[in-house]
Each structure stands twice: as C-alpha cells, then as structure tokens.
C-alpha cells in the first residue's frame, strides 16, 4: 500500500474503482442499494475511509457467498450498535448458514460423482452388449 493510500482521507469513485479493480458502475450500484453513502460536491461523489472499508467488506462478503441483503443487515447492526455484539452474533449465524450450504454442495458433488460412475458403467455395459 502506498503512502498516498495510507494518508488519504477522501477518495473519488475512480480511486476506489482502480484500487479494488471493479467498475464505477458497480460502486454506484452498491450506493443505489444503500450500502455506500458518499458525500456529494455538485455531481462529484466524495468517499471517505468508512466508505472504502465498507466497499472492501462488500467485496469480501461476495467472495464468501454473502448476499448484498446480508451485508446490508450487518452494516445496519453495526451502525445501530457500535460495540457490535449483535453484529457478531448475526455474523456467526450467517457464517454457520454458509457452512451448511457449502456442506450441502459437497454432498451434491459426491452424488454427482456417483451418478457419473453409474452412467459410465451403463454405457460400458451397453457397448459390451452390442458386440
């Protein structure tokens, strides 16, 4: 991280777009969804460190499989309770839900492997019966 990024207190939409390698349209979408609330100077959006941190959390949440609604819920809890006890409990619930979903995906992968194996055996049996 450069000195400019460490000491910078405001960011333009293009600054954030470049830093996080996302489009300005994505950032405006998150704003439309109420996840980011930049200040305005005329038509120019002025993002502060809080917006930058939230954008980082939005993108991290996406990678972990959190919906924007789930991310918004966490932001709302944090805004209401800066001690974040309720936010931590909610986060634990969301993490547990994601773990269950991922486990179900693993179960689906196992079933798919079994189905593929059964399919191969059927095809092999068909080939042998036509010879």
C-alpha atoms as a PDB file:
ATOM      1  CA  UNK A   1       0.000   0.000   0.000  1.00  0.00           C
ATOM      2  CA  UNK A   2       1.419   3.375  -0.944  1.00  0.00           C
ATOM      3  CA  UNK A   3       1.821   6.344   1.397  1.00  0.00           C
ATOM      4  CA  UNK A   4      -0.934   8.104  -0.560  1.00  0.00           C
ATOM      5  CA  UNK A   5      -3.413   5.313   0.253  1.00  0.00           C
ATOM      6  CA  UNK A   6      -2.462   5.295   3.936  1.00  0.00           C
ATOM      7  CA  UNK A   7      -2.802   9.046   4.471  1.00  0.00           C
ATOM      8  CA  UNK A   8      -5.622   9.761   2.025  1.00  0.00           C
ATOM      9  CA  UNK A   9      -8.885  10.714   3.752  1.00  0.00           C
ATOM     10  CA  UNK A  10     -11.159  11.101   0.733  1.00  0.00           C
ATOM     11  CA  UNK A  11     -11.477   9.078  -2.440  1.00  0.00           C
ATOM     12  CA  UNK A  12     -13.075   9.573  -5.816  1.00  0.00           C
ATOM     13  CA  UNK A  13     -15.136   6.866  -7.434  1.00  0.00           C
ATOM     14  CA  UNK A  14     -12.272   6.235  -9.870  1.00  0.00           C
ATOM     15  CA  UNK A  15      -9.784   5.900  -6.966  1.00  0.00           C
ATOM     16  CA  UNK A  16     -11.899   3.124  -5.447  1.00  0.00           C
ATOM     17  CA  UNK A  17     -12.596   1.557  -8.818  1.00  0.00           C
ATOM     18  CA  UNK A  18      -8.881   1.247  -9.543  1.00  0.00           C
ATOM     19  CA  UNK A  19      -7.927   0.129  -6.043  1.00  0.00           C
ATOM     20  CA  UNK A  20     -10.475  -2.695  -5.919  1.00  0.00           C
ATOM     21  CA  UNK A  21     -10.411  -3.480  -9.658  1.00  0.00           C
ATOM     22  CA  UNK A  22     -14.164  -3.047 -10.094  1.00  0.00           C
ATOM     23  CA  UNK A  23     -16.213  -0.796 -12.330  1.00  0.00           C
ATOM     24  CA  UNK A  24     -17.546   2.579 -11.274  1.00  0.00           C
ATOM     25  CA  UNK A  25     -20.944   1.192 -12.229  1.00  0.00           C
ATOM     26  CA  UNK A  26     -20.568  -1.498  -9.527  1.00  0.00           C
ATOM     27  CA  UNK A  27     -19.751   1.153  -6.949  1.00  0.00           C
ATOM     28  CA  UNK A  28     -22.800   3.198  -7.986  1.00  0.00           C
ATOM     29  CA  UNK A  29     -24.903   0.023  -7.733  1.00  0.00           C
ATOM     30  CA  UNK A  30     -23.750  -0.521  -4.137  1.00  0.00           C
ATOM     31  CA  UNK A  31     -24.629   3.102  -3.480  1.00  0.00           C
ATOM     32  CA  UNK A  32     -28.114   2.588  -5.002  1.00  0.00           C
ATOM     33  CA  UNK A  33     -28.521  -0.426  -2.711  1.00  0.00           C
ATOM     34  CA  UNK A  34     -27.800   1.776   0.314  1.00  0.00           C
ATOM     35  CA  UNK A  35     -24.512   0.071   1.152  1.00  0.00           C
ATOM     36  CA  UNK A  36     -22.353   3.122   0.423  1.00  0.00           C
ATOM     37  CA  UNK A  37     -23.297   6.708   1.216  1.00  0.00           C
ATOM     38  CA  UNK A  38     -20.759   9.101  -0.248  1.00  0.00           C
ATOM     39  CA  UNK A  39     -20.982  12.812   0.276  1.00  0.00           C
ATOM     40  CA  UNK A  40     -21.564  14.964  -2.798  1.00  0.00           C
ATOM     41  CA  UNK A  41     -19.854  18.059  -4.067  1.00  0.00           C
ATOM     42  CA  UNK A  42     -22.029  19.042  -7.014  1.00  0.00           C
ATOM     43  CA  UNK A  43     -22.188  15.928  -9.186  1.00  0.00           C
ATOM     44  CA  UNK A  44     -18.946  14.536  -7.730  1.00  0.00           C
ATOM     45  CA  UNK A  45     -19.090  11.717  -5.204  1.00  0.00           C
ATOM     46  CA  UNK A  46     -16.682  12.080  -2.282  1.00  0.00           C
ATOM     47  CA  UNK A  47     -15.977   8.809  -0.491  1.00  0.00           C
ATOM     48  CA  UNK A  48     -14.405   8.720   2.972  1.00  0.00           C
ATOM     49  CA  UNK A  49     -12.431   5.981   4.723  1.00  0.00           C
ATOM     50  CA  UNK A  50     -15.675   4.465   6.076  1.00  0.00           C
ATOM     51  CA  UNK A  51     -16.958   4.042   2.500  1.00  0.00           C
ATOM     52  CA  UNK A  52     -13.656   2.469   1.437  1.00  0.00           C
ATOM     53  CA  UNK A  53     -13.793  -0.006   4.333  1.00  0.00           C
ATOM     54  CA  UNK A  54     -17.416  -0.841   3.552  1.00  0.00           C
ATOM     55  CA  UNK A  55     -16.587  -1.436  -0.098  1.00  0.00           C
ATOM     56  CA  UNK A  56     -13.808  -3.791   0.959  1.00  0.00           C
ATOM     57  CA  UNK A  57     -16.263  -5.635   3.236  1.00  0.00           C
ATOM     58  CA  UNK A  58     -18.902  -5.833   0.476  1.00  0.00           C
ATOM     59  CA  UNK A  59     -16.394  -7.432  -1.884  1.00  0.00           C
ATOM     60  CA  UNK A  60     -15.089  -9.796   0.791  1.00  0.00           C
ATOM     61  CA  UNK A  61     -18.670 -10.768   1.651  1.00  0.00           C
ATOM     62  CA  UNK A  62     -19.373 -11.503  -2.016  1.00  0.00           C
ATOM     63  CA  UNK A  63     -16.343 -13.802  -2.174  1.00  0.00           C
ATOM     64  CA  UNK A  64     -17.625 -15.634   0.917  1.00  0.00           C
ATOM     65  CA  UNK A  65     -21.090 -16.018  -0.593  1.00  0.00           C
ATOM     66  CA  UNK A  66     -22.951 -13.365   1.375  1.00  0.00           C
ATOM     67  CA  UNK A  67     -25.826 -11.650  -0.398  1.00  0.00           C
ATOM     68  CA  UNK A  68     -25.994  -7.872  -0.512  1.00  0.00           C
ATOM     69  CA  UNK A  69     -29.043  -8.081   1.772  1.00  0.00           C
ATOM     70  CA  UNK A  70     -26.985  -9.997   4.352  1.00  0.00           C
ATOM     71  CA  UNK A  71     -24.172  -7.467   4.079  1.00  0.00           C
ATOM     72  CA  UNK A  72     -26.655  -4.590   4.455  1.00  0.00           C
ATOM     73  CA  UNK A  73     -28.061  -6.268   7.575  1.00  0.00           C
ATOM     74  CA  UNK A  74     -24.595  -6.441   9.117  1.00  0.00           C
ATOM     75  CA  UNK A  75     -23.932  -2.778   8.286  1.00  0.00           C
ATOM     76  CA  UNK A  76     -27.265  -1.767   9.833  1.00  0.00           C
ATOM     77  CA  UNK A  77     -26.474  -3.715  13.005  1.00  0.00           C
ATOM     78  CA  UNK A  78     -23.044  -2.134  13.219  1.00  0.00           C
ATOM     79  CA  UNK A  79     -24.478   1.356  12.693  1.00  0.00           C
ATOM     80  CA  UNK A  80     -27.038   0.752  15.449  1.00  0.00           C
ATOM     81  CA  UNK A  81     -24.593  -0.881  17.902  1.00  0.00           C
ATOM     82  CA  UNK A  82     -21.017   0.314  17.577  1.00  0.00           C
ATOM     83  CA  UNK A  83     -19.987  -2.265  20.204  1.00  0.00           C
ATOM     84  CA  UNK A  84     -21.122  -4.749  17.545  1.00  0.00           C
ATOM     85  CA  UNK A  85     -22.216  -7.542  19.923  1.00  0.00           C
ATOM     86  CA  UNK A  86     -25.417  -8.102  17.961  1.00  0.00           C
ATOM     87  CA  UNK A  87     -23.437  -7.818  14.724  1.00  0.00           C
ATOM     88  CA  UNK A  88     -21.066 -10.557  15.872  1.00  0.00           C
ATOM     89  CA  UNK A  89     -23.963 -12.855  16.790  1.00  0.00           C
ATOM     90  CA  UNK A  90     -25.587 -12.235  13.412  1.00  0.00           C
ATOM     91  CA  UNK A  91     -22.271 -12.803  11.651  1.00  0.00           C
ATOM     92  CA  UNK A  92     -21.894 -16.130  13.442  1.00  0.00           C
ATOM     93  CA  UNK A  93     -25.390 -17.142  12.297  1.00  0.00           C
ATOM     94  CA  UNK A  94     -24.618 -16.145   8.702  1.00  0.00           C
ATOM     95  CA  UNK A  95     -21.290 -17.999   8.756  1.00  0.00           C
ATOM     96  CA  UNK A  96     -22.999 -21.125  10.085  1.00  0.00           C
ATOM     97  CA  UNK A  97     -25.636 -20.890   7.331  1.00  0.00           C
ATOM     98  CA  UNK A  98     -22.892 -20.566   4.698  1.00  0.00           C
ATOM     99  CA  UNK A  99     -21.041 -23.566   6.139  1.00  0.00           C
ATOM    100  CA  UNK A 100     -24.232 -25.653   5.945  1.00  0.00           C
ATOM    101  CA  UNK A 101     -24.762 -24.537   2.339  1.00  0.00           C
ATOM    102  CA  UNK A 102     -21.196 -25.458   1.442  1.00  0.00           C
ATOM    103  CA  UNK A 103     -21.565 -28.843   3.106  1.00  0.00           C
ATOM    104  CA  UNK A 104     -24.697 -29.432   1.015  1.00  0.00           C
ATOM    105  CA  UNK A 105     -22.675 -28.523  -2.080  1.00  0.00           C
ATOM    106  CA  UNK A 106     -20.072 -31.128  -1.078  1.00  0.00           C
ATOM    107  CA  UNK A 107     -22.871 -33.681  -0.689  1.00  0.00           C
ATOM    108  CA  UNK A 108     -24.138 -32.778  -4.157  1.00  0.00           C
ATOM    109  CA  UNK A 109     -20.640 -33.256  -5.590  1.00  0.00           C
ATOM    110  CA  UNK A 110     -20.468 -36.749  -4.077  1.00  0.00           C
ATOM    111  CA  UNK A 111     -23.854 -37.678  -5.550  1.00  0.00           C
ATOM    112  CA  UNK A 112     -22.784 -36.300  -8.946  1.00  0.00           C
ATOM    113  CA  UNK A 113     -19.622 -38.398  -8.847  1.00  0.00           C
ATOM    114  CA  UNK A 114     -21.700 -41.483  -8.045  1.00  0.00           C
ATOM    115  CA  UNK A 115     -24.125 -40.679 -10.881  1.00  0.00           C
ATOM    116  CA  UNK A 116     -21.245 -40.181 -13.326  1.00  0.00           C
ATOM    117  CA  UNK A 117     -19.791 -43.521 -12.290  1.00  0.00           C
ATOM    118  CA  UNK A 118     -23.163 -45.249 -12.724  1.00  0.00           C
ATOM    119  CA  UNK A 119     -23.551 -43.592 -16.143  1.00  0.00           C
ATOM    120  CA  UNK A 120     -20.121 -44.815 -17.265  1.00  0.00           C
ATOM    121  CA  UNK A 121     -20.902 -48.333 -16.106  1.00  0.00           C
ATOM    122  CA  UNK A 122     -24.222 -48.292 -18.001  1.00  0.00           C
ATOM    123  CA  UNK A 123     -22.550 -47.008 -21.178  1.00  0.00           C
ATOM    124  CA  UNK A 124     -19.814 -49.622 -20.901  1.00  0.00           C
ATOM    125  CA  UNK A 125     -22.407 -52.356 -20.396  1.00  0.00           C
ATOM    126  CA  UNK A 126     -24.330 -51.127 -23.463  1.00  0.00           C
ATOM    127  CA  UNK A 127     -21.177 -51.154 -25.588  1.00  0.00           C
ATOM    128  CA  UNK A 128     -20.353 -54.695 -24.445  1.00  0.00           C
ATOM    129  CA  UNK A 129     -23.884 -55.945 -25.118  1.00  0.00           C
ATOM    130  CA  UNK A 130     -23.851 -54.694 -28.723  1.00  0.00           C
ATOM    131  CA  UNK A 131     -20.621 -56.501 -29.613  1.00  0.00           C
END
